[in-house]
Protein backbone atom coordinates (compact mmCIF):
# COMPACT_ATOMS: atom_id res chain seq x y z
CA MET A 1 -79.26 8.27 40.64
CA LYS A 2 -75.85 6.85 41.58
CA LYS A 3 -75.59 5.09 38.19
CA ILE A 4 -76.26 8.34 36.34
CA LEU A 5 -73.55 10.14 38.34
CA LEU A 6 -71.03 7.39 37.58
CA VAL A 7 -71.77 7.58 33.84
CA VAL A 8 -71.45 11.38 33.86
CA ALA A 9 -68.18 11.16 35.83
CA ALA A 10 -66.76 8.58 33.42
CA PHE A 11 -67.46 10.74 30.36
CA SER A 12 -66.15 13.92 31.97
CA VAL A 13 -62.53 12.68 32.11
CA PRO A 14 -60.42 14.66 29.60
CA MET A 15 -59.68 12.64 26.46
CA GLY A 16 -56.07 13.89 26.25
CA PHE A 17 -55.28 11.98 29.41
CA ALA A 18 -55.72 8.64 27.63
CA CYS A 19 -53.20 9.49 24.90
CA ALA A 20 -50.10 9.58 27.10
CA GLU A 21 -48.42 6.25 27.62
CA THR A 22 -45.61 4.69 29.59
CA PHE A 23 -43.25 2.38 27.70
CA ASN A 24 -41.09 -0.15 29.53
CA TYR A 25 -38.06 -1.71 27.84
CA SER A 26 -35.42 -4.26 28.75
CA CYS A 27 -32.05 -3.09 27.42
CA LYS A 28 -28.49 -4.32 26.84
CA ALA A 29 -25.59 -1.87 26.64
CA CYS A 30 -23.19 -2.39 23.71
CA ILE A 31 -19.43 -2.62 24.20
CA PHE A 32 -18.53 -2.30 20.54
CA PRO A 33 -21.35 -1.19 18.24
CA ASN A 34 -21.44 -2.95 14.88
CA SER A 35 -20.02 -0.35 12.53
CA SER A 36 -21.26 -2.05 9.34
CA ASP A 37 -24.88 -0.95 9.73
CA GLY A 38 -24.84 1.06 12.97
CA TYR A 39 -27.72 -0.98 14.42
CA GLY A 40 -26.11 -4.03 15.98
CA CYS A 41 -24.03 -4.83 19.02
CA ASP A 42 -20.96 -6.98 18.62
CA ASP A 43 -20.97 -7.61 22.37
CA VAL A 44 -22.92 -6.43 25.41
CA VAL A 45 -21.73 -5.17 28.80
CA ASP A 46 -21.71 -8.08 31.29
CA GLY A 47 -24.53 -9.74 29.35
CA LYS A 48 -26.95 -7.98 31.75
CA THR A 49 -30.20 -6.26 30.90
CA TYR A 50 -31.31 -2.97 32.41
CA PRO A 51 -34.77 -1.39 32.53
CA LEU A 52 -35.53 1.75 30.53
CA ARG A 53 -38.84 3.56 30.95
CA VAL A 54 -40.34 6.42 28.95
CA ASP A 55 -43.27 8.25 30.54
CA ASP A 56 -44.94 10.31 27.81
CA SER A 57 -47.30 12.03 30.24
CA LYS A 58 -44.42 13.40 32.34
CA ASN A 59 -41.87 13.72 29.48
CA VAL A 60 -39.37 11.68 31.46
CA LEU A 61 -37.02 8.84 30.46
CA GLU A 62 -35.49 6.72 33.24
CA TRP A 63 -32.29 4.81 32.50
CA ARG A 64 -29.94 3.13 34.99
CA GLY A 65 -31.30 5.00 37.99
CA LYS A 66 -31.25 8.47 36.41
CA LYS A 67 -34.07 10.59 35.04
CA TYR A 68 -33.85 12.64 31.84
CA SER A 69 -36.28 15.15 30.38
CA VAL A 70 -37.44 14.16 26.90
CA SER A 71 -38.71 15.88 23.78
CA ASN A 72 -39.77 14.55 20.38
CA ALA A 73 -36.65 13.44 18.47
CA ASN A 74 -38.41 14.02 15.15
CA ASP A 75 -39.06 17.73 15.59
CA PRO A 76 -41.70 18.74 13.02
CA ASN A 77 -39.96 22.13 12.68
CA LYS A 78 -36.82 20.47 11.34
CA ASP A 79 -36.34 18.66 8.04
CA GLU A 80 -34.24 15.87 9.57
CA ILE A 81 -35.87 12.58 10.58
CA VAL A 82 -33.82 11.16 13.45
CA CYS A 83 -35.93 8.09 14.28
CA ALA A 84 -37.77 5.96 11.74
CA LYS A 85 -40.95 5.37 13.76
CA ALA A 86 -40.85 7.39 16.99
CA GLY A 87 -38.23 8.69 19.33
CA TRP A 88 -37.25 10.96 22.16
CA HIS A 89 -34.27 13.23 22.68
CA ALA A 90 -33.22 12.88 26.33
CA GLU A 91 -31.30 15.52 28.29
CA GLY A 92 -30.06 15.64 31.86
CA ASN A 93 -27.31 14.59 34.24
CA GLY A 94 -24.74 16.41 32.10
CA THR A 95 -25.46 14.41 28.94
CA SER A 96 -27.92 13.95 26.10
CA PHE A 97 -28.85 11.09 23.77
CA THR A 98 -31.60 9.89 21.47
CA PHE A 99 -33.83 6.90 22.15
CA CYS A 100 -35.50 5.60 18.98
CA ALA A 101 -38.40 3.16 18.93
CA ALA A 102 -38.89 1.04 15.83
CA THR A 103 -41.29 -1.69 14.79
CA GLN A 104 -41.84 -4.98 16.62
CA GLY A 105 -40.92 -3.46 20.02
CA TYR A 106 -37.27 -2.74 19.21
CA GLY A 107 -35.68 0.41 20.60
CA SER A 108 -32.16 1.80 20.86
CA ILE A 109 -30.10 4.53 22.45
CA GLN A 110 -28.00 6.21 19.80
CA ASP A 111 -25.01 8.49 20.19
CA LYS A 112 -24.63 11.80 18.34
CA ASN A 113 -23.20 9.93 15.32
CA GLY A 114 -26.28 7.68 15.12
CA ASP A 115 -24.43 4.59 16.33
CA VAL A 116 -26.42 2.26 18.57
CA ARG A 117 -25.01 2.13 22.09
CA VAL A 118 -27.89 0.27 23.75
CA GLN A 119 -30.37 -2.24 22.29
CA CYS A 120 -33.82 -2.54 23.87
CA ASN A 121 -36.95 -4.67 23.60
CA LEU A 122 -40.38 -3.47 24.66
CA LYS A 123 -41.78 -5.44 27.59
CA ARG A 124 -45.22 -6.76 26.73
């Protein structure tokens, strides 16, 4: 009887719960973004890396000790595609920015002009 209850309990978990993910990145802040393509850093701040975490289930992005609320950067109600693959628009602490995720685990924080200010790599 216990085995039957465990099987029933396992299948009664809502399926939407499994869709939300948490993404952890290691990031370097740019001093002078590369203006030729907008996606490179000419130099990084102190050569240090900082953690960045996006929690899709809570709609929260954590960066340098601060939390930001996030929404989909590629709003389906708008014609503009902000991020090529996926992305979040972060707001809070008196500021806002866009975090775009691309292929191969690359991600970046972009300013309002689309210039990369922070380069990130997904931790695997």
